[in-house]
Amino acid sequence: MSKYLVLVLVLAATPALAQDAALVFAALDANKDGQVTQAEAEKNAAVKQQFAAADTNHDGKLTKDEFMAAFGH
């Protein structure tokens, strides 16, 4: 596969990944307060595993911005 085709495929997939991350955030935010707590993150293995790294301000919650920065790529 040529490197140009790979680049096109990666660029084409990026918005879908961000959209998927937004959907995962919405699904995990059980009480719809705009944050995902560690307890709410337990429902998703990938988020649970990366929670501490994604929680950049170390407050025990992921804002949508933190979540998208960690999982929206």
C-alpha atoms as a PDB file:
ATOM      1  CA  MET A   1       0.000   0.000   0.000  1.00  0.00           C
ATOM      2  CA  SER A   2       1.437   3.364  -0.880  1.00  0.00           C
ATOM      3  CA  LYS A   3       2.237   5.860   1.845  1.00  0.00           C
ATOM      4  CA  TYR A   4      -0.195   8.330   0.258  1.00  0.00           C
ATOM      5  CA  LEU A   5      -3.094   5.904   0.471  1.00  0.00           C
ATOM      6  CA  VAL A   6      -2.281   5.223   4.113  1.00  0.00           C
ATOM      7  CA  LEU A   7      -2.237   8.964   4.826  1.00  0.00           C
ATOM      8  CA  VAL A   8      -5.618   9.423   3.132  1.00  0.00           C
ATOM      9  CA  LEU A   9      -7.095   6.554   5.145  1.00  0.00           C
ATOM     10  CA  VAL A  10      -5.767   7.955   8.422  1.00  0.00           C
ATOM     11  CA  LEU A  11      -7.067  11.439   7.680  1.00  0.00           C
ATOM     12  CA  ALA A  12     -10.449  10.090   6.632  1.00  0.00           C
ATOM     13  CA  ALA A  13     -10.788   8.074   9.836  1.00  0.00           C
ATOM     14  CA  THR A  14      -9.887  10.890  12.228  1.00  0.00           C
ATOM     15  CA  PRO A  15     -13.325  12.599  12.363  1.00  0.00           C
ATOM     16  CA  ALA A  16     -15.007   9.244  12.898  1.00  0.00           C
ATOM     17  CA  LEU A  17     -12.726   8.488  15.826  1.00  0.00           C
ATOM     18  CA  ALA A  18     -13.479  11.855  17.410  1.00  0.00           C
ATOM     19  CA  GLN A  19     -17.201  11.317  16.884  1.00  0.00           C
ATOM     20  CA  ASP A  20     -16.947   7.836  18.420  1.00  0.00           C
ATOM     21  CA  ALA A  21     -15.108   9.273  21.435  1.00  0.00           C
ATOM     22  CA  ALA A  22     -17.859  11.860  21.913  1.00  0.00           C
ATOM     23  CA  LEU A  23     -20.452   9.081  21.847  1.00  0.00           C
ATOM     24  CA  VAL A  24     -18.489   7.030  24.376  1.00  0.00           C
ATOM     25  CA  PHE A  25     -18.190  10.085  26.638  1.00  0.00           C
ATOM     26  CA  ALA A  26     -21.953  10.669  26.464  1.00  0.00           C
ATOM     27  CA  ALA A  27     -22.660   7.012  27.220  1.00  0.00           C
ATOM     28  CA  LEU A  28     -20.300   6.919  30.206  1.00  0.00           C
ATOM     29  CA  ASP A  29     -21.564  10.199  31.698  1.00  0.00           C
ATOM     30  CA  ALA A  30     -24.429   8.427  33.458  1.00  0.00           C
ATOM     31  CA  ASN A  31     -25.703  11.438  35.424  1.00  0.00           C
ATOM     32  CA  LYS A  32     -25.179  13.838  32.500  1.00  0.00           C
ATOM     33  CA  ASP A  33     -23.153  16.327  34.521  1.00  0.00           C
ATOM     34  CA  GLY A  34     -20.600  16.803  31.745  1.00  0.00           C
ATOM     35  CA  GLN A  35     -17.917  14.770  33.495  1.00  0.00           C
ATOM     36  CA  VAL A  36     -16.949  11.113  33.674  1.00  0.00           C
ATOM     37  CA  THR A  37     -15.977   9.924  37.139  1.00  0.00           C
ATOM     38  CA  GLN A  38     -13.732   6.967  37.791  1.00  0.00           C
ATOM     39  CA  ALA A  39     -16.821   4.963  38.816  1.00  0.00           C
ATOM     40  CA  GLU A  40     -18.557   5.832  35.521  1.00  0.00           C
ATOM     41  CA  ALA A  41     -15.375   4.933  33.593  1.00  0.00           C
ATOM     42  CA  GLU A  42     -15.506   1.383  34.969  1.00  0.00           C
ATOM     43  CA  LYS A  43     -17.958   0.503  32.170  1.00  0.00           C
ATOM     44  CA  ASN A  44     -15.258   0.868  29.477  1.00  0.00           C
ATOM     45  CA  ALA A  45     -12.022  -1.120  29.777  1.00  0.00           C
ATOM     46  CA  ALA A  46      -9.916   1.299  27.700  1.00  0.00           C
ATOM     47  CA  VAL A  47     -11.106   4.373  29.595  1.00  0.00           C
ATOM     48  CA  LYS A  48     -10.713   2.597  32.939  1.00  0.00           C
ATOM     49  CA  GLN A  49      -7.136   1.636  32.073  1.00  0.00           C
ATOM     50  CA  GLN A  50      -6.131   5.132  30.879  1.00  0.00           C
ATOM     51  CA  PHE A  51      -8.208   7.167  33.351  1.00  0.00           C
ATOM     52  CA  ALA A  52      -5.311   8.462  35.479  1.00  0.00           C
ATOM     53  CA  ALA A  53      -3.323   9.574  32.431  1.00  0.00           C
ATOM     54  CA  ALA A  54      -6.376  11.257  30.887  1.00  0.00           C
ATOM     55  CA  ASP A  55      -7.221  13.110  34.125  1.00  0.00           C
ATOM     56  CA  THR A  56      -4.661  15.841  33.521  1.00  0.00           C
ATOM     57  CA  ASN A  57      -5.746  18.046  36.442  1.00  0.00           C
ATOM     58  CA  HIS A  58      -5.939  15.013  38.794  1.00  0.00           C
ATOM     59  CA  ASP A  59      -9.385  15.835  40.186  1.00  0.00           C
ATOM     60  CA  GLY A  60     -10.810  12.329  39.760  1.00  0.00           C
ATOM     61  CA  LYS A  61     -13.092  13.345  36.893  1.00  0.00           C
ATOM     62  CA  LEU A  62     -12.680  13.627  33.143  1.00  0.00           C
ATOM     63  CA  THR A  63     -14.132  16.696  31.497  1.00  0.00           C
ATOM     64  CA  LYS A  64     -15.156  16.368  27.876  1.00  0.00           C
ATOM     65  CA  ASP A  65     -11.992  18.262  26.888  1.00  0.00           C
ATOM     66  CA  GLU A  66      -9.771  15.860  28.851  1.00  0.00           C
ATOM     67  CA  PHE A  67     -11.654  12.887  27.440  1.00  0.00           C
ATOM     68  CA  MET A  68     -11.412  14.077  23.847  1.00  0.00           C
ATOM     69  CA  ALA A  69      -7.713  14.883  24.236  1.00  0.00           C
ATOM     70  CA  ALA A  70      -7.050  11.361  25.485  1.00  0.00           C
ATOM     71  CA  PHE A  71      -9.444   9.300  23.377  1.00  0.00           C
ATOM     72  CA  GLY A  72     -10.598  11.467  20.467  1.00  0.00           C
ATOM     73  CA  HIS A  73      -7.691  10.804  18.116  1.00  0.00           C
END
